[in-house]
Structures are given as C-alpha cells and as structure tokens.
C-alpha cells in the first residue's frame, strides 16, 4: 500500500476525462425525435448534393470542336 490515495485521484481524473468529451445520446431527445432530426438532416444533405451535381454537370466535359 505504498500508493496512498493516488489510486483514488487517478479514478477521479479518469472520470473527469470521460465526462468532457461525451457526445451523442445526452442530447435530451427521444429515439423517435432523434430519428426525425437525422432524417431531416439526411434529406437536406442529399438535396444539396443533387443541386450541386445538377449545376456542375458540364464542368467535367471538354470541348473538342475547333
């Protein structure tokens, strides 16, 4: 028992570290609300990509006529 209270201090530090970067399920939403939020974000992302693809469809073609 030469460590004294070092073990307790290490446990406190480890607990503090895990509490800082916690992300995800602590957003206060129910699973249904989370699904709706994620579905909406996915729809916005796909719509944005579709508009980007539609607007830049001629960007990769070369004009070979001289």
PDB file of N, CA and C in Angstrom:
ATOM      1  N   UNK A   1       0.821  -1.189   0.000  1.00  0.00           N
ATOM      2  CA  UNK A   1       0.000   0.000   0.000  1.00  0.00           C
ATOM      3  C   UNK A   1       0.864   1.252   0.000  1.00  0.00           C
ATOM      4  N   UNK A   2       1.769   1.319  -0.902  1.00  0.00           N
ATOM      5  CA  UNK A   2       2.648   2.474  -0.957  1.00  0.00           C
ATOM      6  C   UNK A   2       2.064   3.607  -1.783  1.00  0.00           C
ATOM      7  N   UNK A   3       0.945   3.353  -2.430  1.00  0.00           N
ATOM      8  CA  UNK A   3       0.386   4.386  -3.311  1.00  0.00           C
ATOM      9  C   UNK A   3      -0.438   5.422  -2.567  1.00  0.00           C
ATOM     10  N   UNK A   4      -0.892   5.142  -1.399  1.00  0.00           N
ATOM     11  CA  UNK A   4      -1.694   6.116  -0.667  1.00  0.00           C
ATOM     12  C   UNK A   4      -3.010   6.381  -1.353  1.00  0.00           C
ATOM     13  N   UNK A   5      -3.332   7.628  -1.562  1.00  0.00           N
ATOM     14  CA  UNK A   5      -4.608   7.980  -2.209  1.00  0.00           C
ATOM     15  C   UNK A   5      -4.443   8.222  -3.709  1.00  0.00           C
ATOM     16  N   UNK A   6      -3.316   7.826  -4.271  1.00  0.00           N
ATOM     17  CA  UNK A   6      -3.060   8.037  -5.700  1.00  0.00           C
ATOM     18  C   UNK A   6      -4.104   7.326  -6.555  1.00  0.00           C
ATOM     19  N   UNK A   7      -4.500   6.137  -6.139  1.00  0.00           N
ATOM     20  CA  UNK A   7      -5.482   5.376  -6.899  1.00  0.00           C
ATOM     21  C   UNK A   7      -6.812   6.127  -6.967  1.00  0.00           C
ATOM     22  N   UNK A   8      -7.217   6.711  -5.874  1.00  0.00           N
ATOM     23  CA  UNK A   8      -8.469   7.477  -5.860  1.00  0.00           C
ATOM     24  C   UNK A   8      -8.365   8.714  -6.744  1.00  0.00           C
ATOM     25  N   UNK A   9      -7.226   9.384  -6.697  1.00  0.00           N
ATOM     26  CA  UNK A   9      -7.026  10.558  -7.553  1.00  0.00           C
ATOM     27  C   UNK A   9      -7.069  10.174  -9.024  1.00  0.00           C
ATOM     28  N   UNK A  10      -6.442   9.044  -9.368  1.00  0.00           N
ATOM     29  CA  UNK A  10      -6.463   8.586 -10.753  1.00  0.00           C
ATOM     30  C   UNK A  10      -7.890   8.287 -11.216  1.00  0.00           C
ATOM     31  N   UNK A  11      -8.676   7.695 -10.349  1.00  0.00           N
ATOM     32  CA  UNK A  11     -10.067   7.409 -10.701  1.00  0.00           C
ATOM     33  C   UNK A  11     -10.841   8.698 -10.938  1.00  0.00           C
ATOM     34  N   UNK A  12     -10.625   9.686 -10.108  1.00  0.00           N
ATOM     35  CA  UNK A  12     -11.304  10.973 -10.285  1.00  0.00           C
ATOM     36  C   UNK A  12     -10.898  11.627 -11.599  1.00  0.00           C
ATOM     37  N   UNK A  13      -9.616  11.580 -11.912  1.00  0.00           N
ATOM     38  CA  UNK A  13      -9.136  12.171 -13.163  1.00  0.00           C
ATOM     39  C   UNK A  13      -9.714  11.442 -14.368  1.00  0.00           C
ATOM     40  N   UNK A  14      -9.762  10.119 -14.291  1.00  0.00           N
ATOM     41  CA  UNK A  14     -10.315   9.342 -15.402  1.00  0.00           C
ATOM     42  C   UNK A  14     -11.798   9.641 -15.590  1.00  0.00           C
ATOM     43  N   UNK A  15     -12.519   9.777 -14.500  1.00  0.00           N
ATOM     44  CA  UNK A  15     -13.939  10.092 -14.582  1.00  0.00           C
ATOM     45  C   UNK A  15     -14.149  11.484 -15.179  1.00  0.00           C
ATOM     46  N   UNK A  16     -13.306  12.421 -14.830  1.00  0.00           N
ATOM     47  CA  UNK A  16     -13.412  13.775 -15.367  1.00  0.00           C
ATOM     48  C   UNK A  16     -13.119  13.781 -16.862  1.00  0.00           C
ATOM     49  N   UNK A  17     -12.145  12.997 -17.295  1.00  0.00           N
ATOM     50  CA  UNK A  17     -11.808  12.939 -18.723  1.00  0.00           C
ATOM     51  C   UNK A  17     -12.943  12.353 -19.537  1.00  0.00           C
ATOM     52  N   UNK A  18     -13.579  11.307 -19.060  1.00  0.00           N
ATOM     53  CA  UNK A  18     -14.655  10.689 -19.832  1.00  0.00           C
ATOM     54  C   UNK A  18     -15.889  11.566 -19.872  1.00  0.00           C
ATOM     55  N   UNK A  19     -16.088  12.412 -18.903  1.00  0.00           N
ATOM     56  CA  UNK A  19     -17.257  13.277 -18.866  1.00  0.00           C
ATOM     57  C   UNK A  19     -17.163  14.449 -19.819  1.00  0.00           C
ATOM     58  N   UNK A  20     -15.952  14.894 -20.147  1.00  0.00           N
ATOM     59  CA  UNK A  20     -15.766  16.073 -21.005  1.00  0.00           C
ATOM     60  C   UNK A  20     -16.214  15.821 -22.427  1.00  0.00           C
ATOM     61  N   UNK A  21     -15.705  14.800 -23.061  1.00  0.00           N
ATOM     62  CA  UNK A  21     -15.954  14.573 -24.475  1.00  0.00           C
ATOM     63  C   UNK A  21     -17.212  13.787 -24.760  1.00  0.00           C
ATOM     64  N   UNK A  22     -18.098  13.696 -23.822  1.00  0.00           N
ATOM     65  CA  UNK A  22     -19.297  12.901 -24.010  1.00  0.00           C
ATOM     66  C   UNK A  22     -20.211  13.585 -25.017  1.00  0.00           C
ATOM     67  N   UNK A  23     -20.623  12.823 -25.994  1.00  0.00           N
ATOM     68  CA  UNK A  23     -21.452  13.363 -27.047  1.00  0.00           C
ATOM     69  C   UNK A  23     -22.396  12.263 -27.507  1.00  0.00           C
ATOM     70  N   UNK A  24     -23.505  12.633 -28.054  1.00  0.00           N
ATOM     71  CA  UNK A  24     -24.373  11.615 -28.604  1.00  0.00           C
ATOM     72  C   UNK A  24     -25.714  11.538 -27.926  1.00  0.00           C
ATOM     73  N   UNK A  25     -25.917  10.562 -27.085  1.00  0.00           N
ATOM     74  CA  UNK A  25     -27.239  10.289 -26.544  1.00  0.00           C
ATOM     75  C   UNK A  25     -27.654  11.241 -25.435  1.00  0.00           C
ATOM     76  N   UNK A  26     -26.810  12.132 -25.018  1.00  0.00           N
ATOM     77  CA  UNK A  26     -27.169  13.083 -23.973  1.00  0.00           C
ATOM     78  C   UNK A  26     -27.762  14.367 -24.550  1.00  0.00           C
ATOM     79  N   UNK A  27     -28.418  14.279 -25.682  1.00  0.00           N
ATOM     80  CA  UNK A  27     -28.989  15.474 -26.288  1.00  0.00           C
ATOM     81  C   UNK A  27     -30.417  15.741 -25.826  1.00  0.00           C
ATOM     82  N   UNK A  28     -30.969  14.873 -24.964  1.00  0.00           N
ATOM     83  CA  UNK A  28     -32.283  15.099 -24.401  1.00  0.00           C
ATOM     84  C   UNK A  28     -33.434  14.764 -25.329  1.00  0.00           C
ATOM     85  N   UNK A  29     -33.168  14.050 -26.403  1.00  0.00           N
ATOM     86  CA  UNK A  29     -34.212  13.695 -27.348  1.00  0.00           C
ATOM     87  C   UNK A  29     -34.608  12.232 -27.181  1.00  0.00           C
ATOM     88  N   UNK A  30     -35.854  11.962 -27.511  1.00  0.00           N
ATOM     89  CA  UNK A  30     -36.297  10.572 -27.527  1.00  0.00           C
ATOM     90  C   UNK A  30     -35.771   9.937 -28.809  1.00  0.00           C
ATOM     91  N   UNK A  31     -35.725   8.612 -28.869  1.00  0.00           N
ATOM     92  CA  UNK A  31     -35.246   7.961 -30.099  1.00  0.00           C
ATOM     93  C   UNK A  31     -36.036   8.375 -31.341  1.00  0.00           C
ATOM     94  N   UNK A  32     -37.341   8.582 -31.178  1.00  0.00           N
ATOM     95  CA  UNK A  32     -38.154   8.992 -32.322  1.00  0.00           C
ATOM     96  C   UNK A  32     -37.769  10.400 -32.788  1.00  0.00           C
ATOM     97  N   UNK A  33     -37.585  11.314 -31.850  1.00  0.00           N
ATOM     98  CA  UNK A  33     -37.181  12.676 -32.209  1.00  0.00           C
ATOM     99  C   UNK A  33     -35.807  12.664 -32.863  1.00  0.00           C
ATOM    100  N   UNK A  34     -34.913  11.828 -32.374  1.00  0.00           N
ATOM    101  CA  UNK A  34     -33.576  11.729 -32.938  1.00  0.00           C
ATOM    102  C   UNK A  34     -33.635  11.220 -34.379  1.00  0.00           C
ATOM    103  N   UNK A  35     -34.507  10.211 -34.623  1.00  0.00           N
ATOM    104  CA  UNK A  35     -34.660   9.687 -35.986  1.00  0.00           C
ATOM    105  C   UNK A  35     -35.188  10.759 -36.923  1.00  0.00           C
ATOM    106  N   UNK A  36     -36.171  11.533 -36.461  1.00  0.00           N
ATOM    107  CA  UNK A  36     -36.727  12.605 -37.294  1.00  0.00           C
ATOM    108  C   UNK A  36     -35.674  13.650 -37.615  1.00  0.00           C
ATOM    109  N   UNK A  37     -34.892  14.017 -36.614  1.00  0.00           N
ATOM    110  CA  UNK A  37     -33.836  15.010 -36.813  1.00  0.00           C
ATOM    111  C   UNK A  37     -32.798  14.502 -37.814  1.00  0.00           C
ATOM    112  N   UNK A  38     -32.399  13.254 -37.651  1.00  0.00           N
ATOM    113  CA  UNK A  38     -31.397  12.693 -38.540  1.00  0.00           C
ATOM    114  C   UNK A  38     -31.922  12.534 -39.966  1.00  0.00           C
ATOM    115  N   UNK A  39     -33.194  12.148 -40.093  1.00  0.00           N
ATOM    116  CA  UNK A  39     -33.788  12.004 -41.418  1.00  0.00           C
ATOM    117  C   UNK A  39     -33.850  13.351 -42.132  1.00  0.00           C
ATOM    118  N   UNK A  40     -34.209  14.388 -41.388  1.00  0.00           N
ATOM    119  CA  UNK A  40     -34.278  15.727 -41.980  1.00  0.00           C
ATOM    120  C   UNK A  40     -32.895  16.186 -42.436  1.00  0.00           C
ATOM    121  N   UNK A  41     -31.875  15.928 -41.614  1.00  0.00           N
ATOM    122  CA  UNK A  41     -30.516  16.316 -41.973  1.00  0.00           C
ATOM    123  C   UNK A  41     -30.054  15.554 -43.214  1.00  0.00           C
ATOM    124  N   UNK A  42     -30.412  14.282 -43.312  1.00  0.00           N
ATOM    125  CA  UNK A  42     -30.026  13.484 -44.472  1.00  0.00           C
ATOM    126  C   UNK A  42     -30.714  13.985 -45.734  1.00  0.00           C
ATOM    127  N   UNK A  43     -31.996  14.346 -45.619  1.00  0.00           N
ATOM    128  CA  UNK A  43     -32.705  14.882 -46.775  1.00  0.00           C
ATOM    129  C   UNK A  43     -32.085  16.188 -47.253  1.00  0.00           C
ATOM    130  N   UNK A  44     -31.729  17.048 -46.319  1.00  0.00           N
ATOM    131  CA  UNK A  44     -31.091  18.308 -46.695  1.00  0.00           C
ATOM    132  C   UNK A  44     -29.749  18.058 -47.376  1.00  0.00           C
ATOM    133  N   UNK A  45     -29.009  17.093 -46.865  1.00  0.00           N
ATOM    134  CA  UNK A  45     -27.704  16.778 -47.435  1.00  0.00           C
ATOM    135  C   UNK A  45     -27.844  16.238 -48.856  1.00  0.00           C
ATOM    136  N   UNK A  46     -28.796  15.336 -49.062  1.00  0.00           N
ATOM    137  CA  UNK A  46     -28.975  14.772 -50.402  1.00  0.00           C
ATOM    138  C   UNK A  46     -29.501  15.828 -51.373  1.00  0.00           C
ATOM    139  N   UNK A  47     -30.371  16.722 -50.891  1.00  0.00           N
ATOM    140  CA  UNK A  47     -30.881  17.782 -51.759  1.00  0.00           C
ATOM    141  C   UNK A  47     -29.758  18.728 -52.164  1.00  0.00           C
ATOM    142  N   UNK A  48     -28.899  19.034 -51.222  1.00  0.00           N
ATOM    143  CA  UNK A  48     -27.768  19.915 -51.518  1.00  0.00           C
ATOM    144  C   UNK A  48     -26.827  19.268 -52.537  1.00  0.00           C
ATOM    145  N   UNK A  49     -26.592  17.981 -52.365  1.00  0.00           N
ATOM    146  CA  UNK A  49     -25.713  17.276 -53.303  1.00  0.00           C
ATOM    147  C   UNK A  49     -26.353  17.202 -54.685  1.00  0.00           C
ATOM    148  N   UNK A  50     -27.669  16.988 -54.736  1.00  0.00           N
ATOM    149  CA  UNK A  50     -28.368  16.906 -56.020  1.00  0.00           C
ATOM    150  C   UNK A  50     -28.285  18.232 -56.771  1.00  0.00           C
ATOM    151  N   UNK A  51     -28.440  19.346 -56.066  1.00  0.00           N
ATOM    152  CA  UNK A  51     -28.345  20.638 -56.730  1.00  0.00           C
ATOM    153  C   UNK A  51     -26.917  20.912 -57.192  1.00  0.00           C
ATOM    154  N   UNK A  52     -25.955  20.466 -56.409  1.00  0.00           N
ATOM    155  CA  UNK A  52     -24.554  20.654 -56.796  1.00  0.00           C
ATOM    156  C   UNK A  52     -24.235  19.842 -58.041  1.00  0.00           C
ATOM    157  N   UNK A  53     -24.710  18.591 -58.079  1.00  0.00           N
ATOM    158  CA  UNK A  53     -24.460  17.738 -59.236  1.00  0.00           C
ATOM    159  C   UNK A  53     -25.174  18.258 -60.479  1.00  0.00           C
ATOM    160  N   UNK A  54     -26.368  18.774 -60.321  1.00  0.00           N
ATOM    161  CA  UNK A  54     -27.129  19.278 -61.464  1.00  0.00           C
ATOM    162  C   UNK A  54     -26.494  20.552 -62.016  1.00  0.00           C
ATOM    163  N   UNK A  55     -25.971  21.384 -61.165  1.00  0.00           N
ATOM    164  CA  UNK A  55     -25.386  22.641 -61.609  1.00  0.00           C
ATOM    165  C   UNK A  55     -24.019  22.473 -62.236  1.00  0.00           C
ATOM    166  N   UNK A  56     -23.267  21.495 -61.830  1.00  0.00           N
ATOM    167  CA  UNK A  56     -21.914  21.326 -62.342  1.00  0.00           C
ATOM    168  C   UNK A  56     -21.765  20.150 -63.271  1.00  0.00           C
ATOM    169  N   UNK A  57     -22.839  19.787 -63.986  1.00  0.00           N
ATOM    170  CA  UNK A  57     -22.787  18.598 -64.838  1.00  0.00           C
ATOM    171  C   UNK A  57     -21.896  18.804 -66.059  1.00  0.00           C
ATOM    172  N   UNK A  58     -21.707  20.029 -66.531  1.00  0.00           N
ATOM    173  CA  UNK A  58     -20.878  20.287 -67.707  1.00  0.00           C
ATOM    174  C   UNK A  58     -19.432  20.600 -67.348  1.00  0.00           C
ATOM    175  N   UNK A  59     -19.118  20.628 -66.099  1.00  0.00           N
ATOM    176  CA  UNK A  59     -17.787  21.023 -65.673  1.00  0.00           C
ATOM    177  C   UNK A  59     -16.704  20.048 -66.091  1.00  0.00           C
ATOM    178  N   UNK A  60     -17.030  18.765 -66.180  1.00  0.00           N
ATOM    179  CA  UNK A  60     -16.021  17.771 -66.498  1.00  0.00           C
ATOM    180  C   UNK A  60     -15.879  17.466 -67.971  1.00  0.00           C
ATOM    181  N   UNK A  61     -16.663  18.078 -68.858  1.00  0.00           N
ATOM    182  CA  UNK A  61     -16.596  17.776 -70.288  1.00  0.00           C
ATOM    183  C   UNK A  61     -15.631  18.722 -70.981  1.00  0.00           C
ATOM    184  N   UNK A  62     -15.002  18.187 -72.003  1.00  0.00           N
ATOM    185  CA  UNK A  62     -14.074  19.021 -72.787  1.00  0.00           C
ATOM    186  C   UNK A  62     -14.733  19.385 -74.116  1.00  0.00           C
ATOM    187  N   UNK A  63     -14.427  20.555 -74.580  1.00  0.00           N
ATOM    188  CA  UNK A  63     -14.917  20.991 -75.881  1.00  0.00           C
ATOM    189  C   UNK A  63     -13.865  20.626 -76.919  1.00  0.00           C
ATOM    190  N   UNK A  64     -14.160  19.613 -77.731  1.00  0.00           N
ATOM    191  CA  UNK A  64     -13.167  19.153 -78.701  1.00  0.00           C
ATOM    192  C   UNK A  64     -13.336  19.813 -80.059  1.00  0.00           C
ATOM    193  N   UNK A  65     -14.346  20.647 -80.251  1.00  0.00           N
ATOM    194  CA  UNK A  65     -14.553  21.327 -81.529  1.00  0.00           C
ATOM    195  C   UNK A  65     -13.586  22.489 -81.661  1.00  0.00           C
ATOM    196  N   UNK A  66     -13.036  22.642 -82.880  1.00  0.00           N
ATOM    197  CA  UNK A  66     -12.090  23.745 -83.121  1.00  0.00           C
ATOM    198  C   UNK A  66     -12.570  24.677 -84.179  1.00  0.00           C
TER     199      UNK A  66
END
